[in-house]
């Protein structure tokens, strides 16, 4: 999905299946994989409670192996990004640094951690546009804002889902600070803001009918999710919502890639 977001950002500026697009796609997938690997390394204690089937927790992969994989992926992504120019490489290095700062430290700071993750996820659109070597258009900025709002909501929902495990290892998310009920309301507001902003994107597409049809499916999923978090913000519902909104985001990415 990160690679698709990068493609959307690239194609919003320059419609071509070229070498730069392939490099941008591969480097973004590598940096995301590296950050996820580091996240598993730093999250082992939480995962023993929240996700006991993780490879590091079960011992399927050793911690040393995970560290080597994460480092190799990080360096490979930087090397590839350097082929795209200074701006894309700097953004990728910043994403790596900020992402690992979150993994090691910022995740313990409630909404700040949520905003950090959402910003990193949404920056994939900016990276794609910068990879063209041209100016970043308004269309990409709009993609960034929609993705940012939606992901802040999803990250708050994640805090509701993982509340028990987070509290046991002294991580206080928004759900811990203000309670699941209020956190559910905050998540709903951000998701509904993303839905509202998605309508502004219609004017940027030649095939408005096709885009509207796809983005409407995403909006329905997020509206239902917002309703669910307002009505019953339980860990079980939060877990289901994280999965369904992931499908919604995939549909949204598909709609962003169309001309």
C-alpha atoms as a PDB file:
ATOM      1  CA  UNK A   1       0.000   0.000   0.000  1.00  0.00           C
ATOM      2  CA  UNK A   2       2.938   2.336   0.634  1.00  0.00           C
ATOM      3  CA  UNK A   3       4.172   1.603  -2.873  1.00  0.00           C
ATOM      4  CA  UNK A   4       0.727   2.362  -4.311  1.00  0.00           C
ATOM      5  CA  UNK A   5       0.638   5.683  -2.463  1.00  0.00           C
ATOM      6  CA  UNK A   6       4.044   6.556  -3.920  1.00  0.00           C
ATOM      7  CA  UNK A   7       2.767   5.616  -7.384  1.00  0.00           C
ATOM      8  CA  UNK A   8      -0.278   7.848  -6.886  1.00  0.00           C
ATOM      9  CA  UNK A   9       1.953  10.764  -5.910  1.00  0.00           C
ATOM     10  CA  UNK A  10       4.225  10.144  -8.899  1.00  0.00           C
ATOM     11  CA  UNK A  11       1.418   9.733 -11.439  1.00  0.00           C
ATOM     12  CA  UNK A  12      -0.321  12.848 -10.135  1.00  0.00           C
ATOM     13  CA  UNK A  13       2.637  14.783 -11.556  1.00  0.00           C
ATOM     14  CA  UNK A  14       3.901  12.673 -14.450  1.00  0.00           C
ATOM     15  CA  UNK A  15       1.928   9.881 -16.097  1.00  0.00           C
ATOM     16  CA  UNK A  16       4.541   7.353 -17.236  1.00  0.00           C
ATOM     17  CA  UNK A  17       5.706   3.859 -16.367  1.00  0.00           C
ATOM     18  CA  UNK A  18       9.398   4.725 -16.187  1.00  0.00           C
ATOM     19  CA  UNK A  19      12.543   3.809 -14.282  1.00  0.00           C
ATOM     20  CA  UNK A  20      12.062   6.574 -11.683  1.00  0.00           C
ATOM     21  CA  UNK A  21       8.612   5.235 -10.809  1.00  0.00           C
ATOM     22  CA  UNK A  22       9.975   1.707 -10.294  1.00  0.00           C
ATOM     23  CA  UNK A  23      12.838   2.991  -8.114  1.00  0.00           C
ATOM     24  CA  UNK A  24      10.466   5.131  -6.048  1.00  0.00           C
ATOM     25  CA  UNK A  25       8.136   2.164  -5.575  1.00  0.00           C
ATOM     26  CA  UNK A  26      10.889  -0.262  -4.523  1.00  0.00           C
ATOM     27  CA  UNK A  27      12.679   2.165  -2.203  1.00  0.00           C
ATOM     28  CA  UNK A  28       9.429   3.076  -0.432  1.00  0.00           C
ATOM     29  CA  UNK A  29       8.531  -0.584   0.115  1.00  0.00           C
ATOM     30  CA  UNK A  30      12.022  -1.234   1.502  1.00  0.00           C
ATOM     31  CA  UNK A  31      11.921   1.675   3.953  1.00  0.00           C
ATOM     32  CA  UNK A  32       8.446   0.652   5.123  1.00  0.00           C
ATOM     33  CA  UNK A  33       9.583  -2.950   5.583  1.00  0.00           C
ATOM     34  CA  UNK A  34      12.614  -1.738   7.549  1.00  0.00           C
ATOM     35  CA  UNK A  35      10.445   0.391   9.858  1.00  0.00           C
ATOM     36  CA  UNK A  36       8.015  -2.469  10.424  1.00  0.00           C
ATOM     37  CA  UNK A  37      10.909  -4.796  11.259  1.00  0.00           C
ATOM     38  CA  UNK A  38      12.345  -2.284  13.742  1.00  0.00           C
ATOM     39  CA  UNK A  39       8.846  -1.826  15.161  1.00  0.00           C
ATOM     40  CA  UNK A  40       8.616  -5.556  15.858  1.00  0.00           C
ATOM     41  CA  UNK A  41      12.041  -5.438  17.518  1.00  0.00           C
ATOM     42  CA  UNK A  42      11.083  -2.575  19.837  1.00  0.00           C
ATOM     43  CA  UNK A  43       7.558  -3.955  20.419  1.00  0.00           C
ATOM     44  CA  UNK A  44       8.420  -7.461  21.588  1.00  0.00           C
ATOM     45  CA  UNK A  45       7.064  -7.012  25.125  1.00  0.00           C
ATOM     46  CA  UNK A  46       3.776  -5.484  23.928  1.00  0.00           C
ATOM     47  CA  UNK A  47       3.437  -8.158  21.248  1.00  0.00           C
ATOM     48  CA  UNK A  48       3.728 -10.947  23.818  1.00  0.00           C
ATOM     49  CA  UNK A  49       0.296  -9.730  24.987  1.00  0.00           C
ATOM     50  CA  UNK A  50      -1.312  -8.079  21.934  1.00  0.00           C
ATOM     51  CA  UNK A  51       0.125 -10.214  19.085  1.00  0.00           C
ATOM     52  CA  UNK A  52       1.639 -13.438  20.496  1.00  0.00           C
ATOM     53  CA  UNK A  53       1.885 -14.976  17.012  1.00  0.00           C
ATOM     54  CA  UNK A  54       4.530 -12.478  15.818  1.00  0.00           C
ATOM     55  CA  UNK A  55       7.702 -14.194  14.461  1.00  0.00           C
ATOM     56  CA  UNK A  56       9.990 -12.564  17.055  1.00  0.00           C
ATOM     57  CA  UNK A  57       7.699 -13.523  19.916  1.00  0.00           C
ATOM     58  CA  UNK A  58       7.355 -17.150  18.780  1.00  0.00           C
ATOM     59  CA  UNK A  59      11.093 -17.407  18.077  1.00  0.00           C
ATOM     60  CA  UNK A  60      10.589 -18.142  14.386  1.00  0.00           C
ATOM     61  CA  UNK A  61      12.980 -15.240  13.708  1.00  0.00           C
ATOM     62  CA  UNK A  62      15.743 -14.245  16.132  1.00  0.00           C
ATOM     63  CA  UNK A  63      16.238 -10.656  17.258  1.00  0.00           C
ATOM     64  CA  UNK A  64      19.704 -10.540  15.644  1.00  0.00           C
ATOM     65  CA  UNK A  65      18.273 -11.744  12.331  1.00  0.00           C
ATOM     66  CA  UNK A  66      15.557  -9.103  12.497  1.00  0.00           C
ATOM     67  CA  UNK A  67      18.095  -6.327  13.184  1.00  0.00           C
ATOM     68  CA  UNK A  68      20.242  -7.393  10.195  1.00  0.00           C
ATOM     69  CA  UNK A  69      17.196  -7.511   7.909  1.00  0.00           C
ATOM     70  CA  UNK A  70      15.984  -4.091   9.084  1.00  0.00           C
ATOM     71  CA  UNK A  71      19.415  -2.455   8.602  1.00  0.00           C
ATOM     72  CA  UNK A  72      19.951  -3.982   5.156  1.00  0.00           C
ATOM     73  CA  UNK A  73      16.517  -2.806   4.027  1.00  0.00           C
ATOM     74  CA  UNK A  74      17.181   0.706   5.362  1.00  0.00           C
ATOM     75  CA  UNK A  75      20.528   1.090   3.578  1.00  0.00           C
ATOM     76  CA  UNK A  76      19.142  -0.392   0.354  1.00  0.00           C
ATOM     77  CA  UNK A  77      16.261   2.092   0.390  1.00  0.00           C
ATOM     78  CA  UNK A  78      18.646   5.047   0.844  1.00  0.00           C
ATOM     79  CA  UNK A  79      20.864   3.875  -2.026  1.00  0.00           C
ATOM     80  CA  UNK A  80      17.858   3.581  -4.332  1.00  0.00           C
ATOM     81  CA  UNK A  81      16.450   6.944  -3.220  1.00  0.00           C
ATOM     82  CA  UNK A  82      19.774   8.622  -3.988  1.00  0.00           C
ATOM     83  CA  UNK A  83      19.206   7.748  -7.648  1.00  0.00           C
ATOM     84  CA  UNK A  84      16.063   9.902  -7.637  1.00  0.00           C
ATOM     85  CA  UNK A  85      17.715  13.113  -6.447  1.00  0.00           C
ATOM     86  CA  UNK A  86      18.479  15.043  -3.282  1.00  0.00           C
ATOM     87  CA  UNK A  87      14.903  15.926  -2.229  1.00  0.00           C
ATOM     88  CA  UNK A  88      13.470  12.370  -2.370  1.00  0.00           C
ATOM     89  CA  UNK A  89      16.540  10.966  -0.600  1.00  0.00           C
ATOM     90  CA  UNK A  90      16.319  13.538   2.200  1.00  0.00           C
ATOM     91  CA  UNK A  91      12.602  12.843   2.684  1.00  0.00           C
ATOM     92  CA  UNK A  92      13.262   9.098   2.838  1.00  0.00           C
ATOM     93  CA  UNK A  93      16.096   9.537   5.378  1.00  0.00           C
ATOM     94  CA  UNK A  94      13.839  11.798   7.443  1.00  0.00           C
ATOM     95  CA  UNK A  95      11.086   9.167   7.332  1.00  0.00           C
ATOM     96  CA  UNK A  96      13.531   6.463   8.461  1.00  0.00           C
ATOM     97  CA  UNK A  97      14.825   8.618  11.313  1.00  0.00           C
ATOM     98  CA  UNK A  98      11.422   9.790  12.504  1.00  0.00           C
ATOM     99  CA  UNK A  99       9.939   6.313  12.131  1.00  0.00           C
ATOM    100  CA  UNK A 100      12.599   4.753  14.327  1.00  0.00           C
ATOM    101  CA  UNK A 101      12.323   7.622  16.812  1.00  0.00           C
ATOM    102  CA  UNK A 102       8.658   6.643  17.064  1.00  0.00           C
ATOM    103  CA  UNK A 103       9.505   2.947  17.437  1.00  0.00           C
ATOM    104  CA  UNK A 104      11.937   3.625  20.261  1.00  0.00           C
ATOM    105  CA  UNK A 105      10.411   6.615  22.018  1.00  0.00           C
ATOM    106  CA  UNK A 106       7.540   8.655  20.550  1.00  0.00           C
ATOM    107  CA  UNK A 107       5.018   5.796  20.694  1.00  0.00           C
ATOM    108  CA  UNK A 108       4.857   6.442  24.444  1.00  0.00           C
ATOM    109  CA  UNK A 109       3.564   9.977  23.928  1.00  0.00           C
ATOM    110  CA  UNK A 110      -0.110   9.484  23.145  1.00  0.00           C
ATOM    111  CA  UNK A 111      -1.469  11.608  20.287  1.00  0.00           C
ATOM    112  CA  UNK A 112       2.053  12.768  19.316  1.00  0.00           C
ATOM    113  CA  UNK A 113       2.882   9.203  18.337  1.00  0.00           C
ATOM    114  CA  UNK A 114      -0.384   8.900  16.379  1.00  0.00           C
ATOM    115  CA  UNK A 115       0.352  12.112  14.465  1.00  0.00           C
ATOM    116  CA  UNK A 116       3.907  10.947  13.729  1.00  0.00           C
ATOM    117  CA  UNK A 117       2.776   7.638  12.217  1.00  0.00           C
ATOM    118  CA  UNK A 118      -0.013   9.317  10.229  1.00  0.00           C
ATOM    119  CA  UNK A 119       2.413  11.909   8.858  1.00  0.00           C
ATOM    120  CA  UNK A 120       4.914   9.253   7.828  1.00  0.00           C
ATOM    121  CA  UNK A 121       2.231   7.199   6.085  1.00  0.00           C
ATOM    122  CA  UNK A 122       0.821  10.209   4.234  1.00  0.00           C
ATOM    123  CA  UNK A 123       4.313  11.381   3.198  1.00  0.00           C
ATOM    124  CA  UNK A 124       4.382   8.503   0.679  1.00  0.00           C
ATOM    125  CA  UNK A 125       2.368  10.731  -1.676  1.00  0.00           C
ATOM    126  CA  UNK A 126       4.916  13.537  -1.325  1.00  0.00           C
ATOM    127  CA  UNK A 127       7.795  11.121  -1.926  1.00  0.00           C
ATOM    128  CA  UNK A 128       6.186   9.910  -5.149  1.00  0.00           C
ATOM    129  CA  UNK A 129       5.726  13.439  -6.486  1.00  0.00           C
ATOM    130  CA  UNK A 130       9.263  14.479  -5.521  1.00  0.00           C
ATOM    131  CA  UNK A 131      10.617  11.407  -7.330  1.00  0.00           C
ATOM    132  CA  UNK A 132       9.528  12.962 -10.645  1.00  0.00           C
ATOM    133  CA  UNK A 133      11.961  15.850 -10.182  1.00  0.00           C
ATOM    134  CA  UNK A 134       9.097  18.316 -10.694  1.00  0.00           C
ATOM    135  CA  UNK A 135       7.061  20.533  -8.357  1.00  0.00           C
ATOM    136  CA  UNK A 136       4.593  18.932  -5.952  1.00  0.00           C
ATOM    137  CA  UNK A 137       1.050  19.804  -7.172  1.00  0.00           C
ATOM    138  CA  UNK A 138      -2.044  20.704  -5.129  1.00  0.00           C
ATOM    139  CA  UNK A 139      -3.500  17.282  -5.958  1.00  0.00           C
ATOM    140  CA  UNK A 140      -0.688  15.557  -4.042  1.00  0.00           C
ATOM    141  CA  UNK A 141      -1.061  17.901  -1.066  1.00  0.00           C
ATOM    142  CA  UNK A 142      -4.747  16.988  -0.959  1.00  0.00           C
ATOM    143  CA  UNK A 143      -3.904  13.262  -1.056  1.00  0.00           C
ATOM    144  CA  UNK A 144      -1.484  13.868   1.814  1.00  0.00           C
ATOM    145  CA  UNK A 145      -4.115  15.623   3.946  1.00  0.00           C
ATOM    146  CA  UNK A 146      -6.802  12.972   3.365  1.00  0.00           C
ATOM    147  CA  UNK A 147      -4.382  10.162   4.203  1.00  0.00           C
ATOM    148  CA  UNK A 148      -3.073  12.039   7.239  1.00  0.00           C
ATOM    149  CA  UNK A 149      -6.526  12.566   8.768  1.00  0.00           C
ATOM    150  CA  UNK A 150      -7.638   8.991   8.061  1.00  0.00           C
ATOM    151  CA  UNK A 151      -4.469   7.549   9.570  1.00  0.00           C
ATOM    152  CA  UNK A 152      -4.623   9.647  12.732  1.00  0.00           C
ATOM    153  CA  UNK A 153      -8.074   8.114  13.241  1.00  0.00           C
ATOM    154  CA  UNK A 154      -6.775   4.607  12.578  1.00  0.00           C
ATOM    155  CA  UNK A 155      -3.846   5.062  14.975  1.00  0.00           C
ATOM    156  CA  UNK A 156      -6.150   6.206  17.780  1.00  0.00           C
ATOM    157  CA  UNK A 157      -8.285   3.117  17.076  1.00  0.00           C
ATOM    158  CA  UNK A 158      -5.137   0.982  17.359  1.00  0.00           C
ATOM    159  CA  UNK A 159      -4.617   2.420  20.845  1.00  0.00           C
ATOM    160  CA  UNK A 160      -8.112   1.281  21.820  1.00  0.00           C
ATOM    161  CA  UNK A 161      -7.426  -2.193  20.432  1.00  0.00           C
ATOM    162  CA  UNK A 162      -4.064  -2.588  22.200  1.00  0.00           C
ATOM    163  CA  UNK A 163      -4.967  -0.833  25.451  1.00  0.00           C
ATOM    164  CA  UNK A 164      -4.393  -3.794  27.779  1.00  0.00           C
ATOM    165  CA  UNK A 165      -0.973  -4.710  26.393  1.00  0.00           C
ATOM    166  CA  UNK A 166       0.185  -1.091  26.159  1.00  0.00           C
ATOM    167  CA  UNK A 167      -0.700  -0.340  29.782  1.00  0.00           C
ATOM    168  CA  UNK A 168       1.184  -3.427  30.999  1.00  0.00           C
ATOM    169  CA  UNK A 169       4.432  -2.153  29.406  1.00  0.00           C
ATOM    170  CA  UNK A 170       3.897   1.468  30.492  1.00  0.00           C
ATOM    171  CA  UNK A 171       2.817   2.864  27.127  1.00  0.00           C
ATOM    172  CA  UNK A 172      -0.002   5.355  27.606  1.00  0.00           C
ATOM    173  CA  UNK A 173      -1.843   5.993  24.346  1.00  0.00           C
ATOM    174  CA  UNK A 174      -4.781   8.364  23.978  1.00  0.00           C
ATOM    175  CA  UNK A 175      -7.119   5.540  25.005  1.00  0.00           C
ATOM    176  CA  UNK A 176      -5.085   5.190  28.195  1.00  0.00           C
ATOM    177  CA  UNK A 177      -5.057   8.941  28.894  1.00  0.00           C
ATOM    178  CA  UNK A 178      -8.708   9.798  28.310  1.00  0.00           C
ATOM    179  CA  UNK A 179     -10.408   6.393  28.159  1.00  0.00           C
ATOM    180  CA  UNK A 180     -11.616   4.282  25.245  1.00  0.00           C
ATOM    181  CA  UNK A 181     -14.948   6.085  24.929  1.00  0.00           C
ATOM    182  CA  UNK A 182     -13.425   9.542  24.441  1.00  0.00           C
ATOM    183  CA  UNK A 183     -10.620   8.139  22.283  1.00  0.00           C
ATOM    184  CA  UNK A 184     -13.279   6.546  20.075  1.00  0.00           C
ATOM    185  CA  UNK A 185     -14.868   9.970  19.606  1.00  0.00           C
ATOM    186  CA  UNK A 186     -11.522  11.511  18.653  1.00  0.00           C
ATOM    187  CA  UNK A 187     -10.887   8.735  16.131  1.00  0.00           C
ATOM    188  CA  UNK A 188     -14.358   9.255  14.647  1.00  0.00           C
ATOM    189  CA  UNK A 189     -13.777  12.988  14.178  1.00  0.00           C
ATOM    190  CA  UNK A 190     -10.545  12.428  12.263  1.00  0.00           C
ATOM    191  CA  UNK A 191     -12.066   9.713  10.059  1.00  0.00           C
ATOM    192  CA  UNK A 192     -15.091  11.874   9.235  1.00  0.00           C
ATOM    193  CA  UNK A 193     -12.834  14.831   8.406  1.00  0.00           C
ATOM    194  CA  UNK A 194     -10.989  12.598   5.929  1.00  0.00           C
ATOM    195  CA  UNK A 195     -14.331  11.619   4.371  1.00  0.00           C
ATOM    196  CA  UNK A 196     -15.381  15.274   4.051  1.00  0.00           C
ATOM    197  CA  UNK A 197     -12.071  16.253   2.440  1.00  0.00           C
ATOM    198  CA  UNK A 198     -12.238  13.362  -0.041  1.00  0.00           C
ATOM    199  CA  UNK A 199     -15.029  15.132  -1.938  1.00  0.00           C
ATOM    200  CA  UNK A 200     -12.654  18.004  -2.715  1.00  0.00           C
ATOM    201  CA  UNK A 201     -10.493  15.577  -4.728  1.00  0.00           C
ATOM    202  CA  UNK A 202     -13.217  14.883  -7.319  1.00  0.00           C
ATOM    203  CA  UNK A 203     -12.409  18.001  -9.361  1.00  0.00           C
ATOM    204  CA  UNK A 204      -8.811  16.819  -9.923  1.00  0.00           C
ATOM    205  CA  UNK A 205      -9.829  13.733 -11.942  1.00  0.00           C
ATOM    206  CA  UNK A 206     -10.880  13.566 -15.583  1.00  0.00           C
ATOM    207  CA  UNK A 207     -12.907  10.411 -14.943  1.00  0.00           C
ATOM    208  CA  UNK A 208     -14.960  11.924 -12.130  1.00  0.00           C
ATOM    209  CA  UNK A 209     -17.637   9.203 -12.148  1.00  0.00           C
ATOM    210  CA  UNK A 210     -15.165   6.343 -11.694  1.00  0.00           C
ATOM    211  CA  UNK A 211     -13.230   8.186  -8.974  1.00  0.00           C
ATOM    212  CA  UNK A 212     -16.434   9.120  -7.135  1.00  0.00           C
ATOM    213  CA  UNK A 213     -17.649   5.507  -7.219  1.00  0.00           C
ATOM    214  CA  UNK A 214     -14.401   4.172  -5.726  1.00  0.00           C
ATOM    215  CA  UNK A 215     -13.895   6.883  -3.126  1.00  0.00           C
ATOM    216  CA  UNK A 216     -17.526   6.514  -2.037  1.00  0.00           C
ATOM    217  CA  UNK A 217     -16.840   2.886  -1.098  1.00  0.00           C
ATOM    218  CA  UNK A 218     -13.959   4.051   1.074  1.00  0.00           C
ATOM    219  CA  UNK A 219     -16.098   6.781   2.616  1.00  0.00           C
ATOM    220  CA  UNK A 220     -18.846   4.284   3.503  1.00  0.00           C
ATOM    221  CA  UNK A 221     -16.288   2.059   5.263  1.00  0.00           C
ATOM    222  CA  UNK A 222     -14.897   4.982   7.262  1.00  0.00           C
ATOM    223  CA  UNK A 223     -18.331   6.379   8.123  1.00  0.00           C
ATOM    224  CA  UNK A 224     -19.351   2.953   9.416  1.00  0.00           C
ATOM    225  CA  UNK A 225     -16.099   2.801  11.375  1.00  0.00           C
ATOM    226  CA  UNK A 226     -16.733   6.209  12.922  1.00  0.00           C
ATOM    227  CA  UNK A 227     -20.228   5.097  13.933  1.00  0.00           C
ATOM    228  CA  UNK A 228     -18.839   1.910  15.465  1.00  0.00           C
ATOM    229  CA  UNK A 229     -16.278   3.811  17.540  1.00  0.00           C
ATOM    230  CA  UNK A 230     -18.924   6.228  18.756  1.00  0.00           C
ATOM    231  CA  UNK A 231     -21.375   3.465  19.663  1.00  0.00           C
ATOM    232  CA  UNK A 232     -19.110   0.816  21.188  1.00  0.00           C
ATOM    233  CA  UNK A 233     -15.336   1.553  21.291  1.00  0.00           C
ATOM    234  CA  UNK A 234     -14.243  -1.874  22.547  1.00  0.00           C
ATOM    235  CA  UNK A 235     -10.891  -3.563  21.762  1.00  0.00           C
ATOM    236  CA  UNK A 236     -12.775  -6.159  19.699  1.00  0.00           C
ATOM    237  CA  UNK A 237     -14.550  -3.559  17.564  1.00  0.00           C
ATOM    238  CA  UNK A 238     -11.338  -1.566  17.240  1.00  0.00           C
ATOM    239  CA  UNK A 239      -9.553  -4.647  15.902  1.00  0.00           C
ATOM    240  CA  UNK A 240     -12.273  -5.259  13.318  1.00  0.00           C
ATOM    241  CA  UNK A 241     -12.240  -1.582  12.341  1.00  0.00           C
ATOM    242  CA  UNK A 242      -8.481  -1.580  11.774  1.00  0.00           C
ATOM    243  CA  UNK A 243      -8.925  -4.418   9.270  1.00  0.00           C
ATOM    244  CA  UNK A 244     -11.928  -2.989   7.417  1.00  0.00           C
ATOM    245  CA  UNK A 245     -10.427   0.505   7.131  1.00  0.00           C
ATOM    246  CA  UNK A 246      -7.292  -1.084   5.669  1.00  0.00           C
ATOM    247  CA  UNK A 247      -9.486  -2.376   2.828  1.00  0.00           C
ATOM    248  CA  UNK A 248     -11.013   1.093   2.513  1.00  0.00           C
ATOM    249  CA  UNK A 249      -7.573   2.667   2.220  1.00  0.00           C
ATOM    250  CA  UNK A 250      -6.601   0.182  -0.480  1.00  0.00           C
ATOM    251  CA  UNK A 251      -9.698   1.156  -2.485  1.00  0.00           C
ATOM    252  CA  UNK A 252      -8.835   4.830  -1.972  1.00  0.00           C
ATOM    253  CA  UNK A 253      -5.318   4.262  -3.268  1.00  0.00           C
ATOM    254  CA  UNK A 254      -6.719   2.550  -6.359  1.00  0.00           C
ATOM    255  CA  UNK A 255      -8.961   5.582  -6.962  1.00  0.00           C
ATOM    256  CA  UNK A 256      -6.042   8.017  -6.583  1.00  0.00           C
ATOM    257  CA  UNK A 257      -3.989   6.195  -9.234  1.00  0.00           C
ATOM    258  CA  UNK A 258      -6.601   6.577 -12.006  1.00  0.00           C
ATOM    259  CA  UNK A 259      -6.093   9.498 -14.420  1.00  0.00           C
END
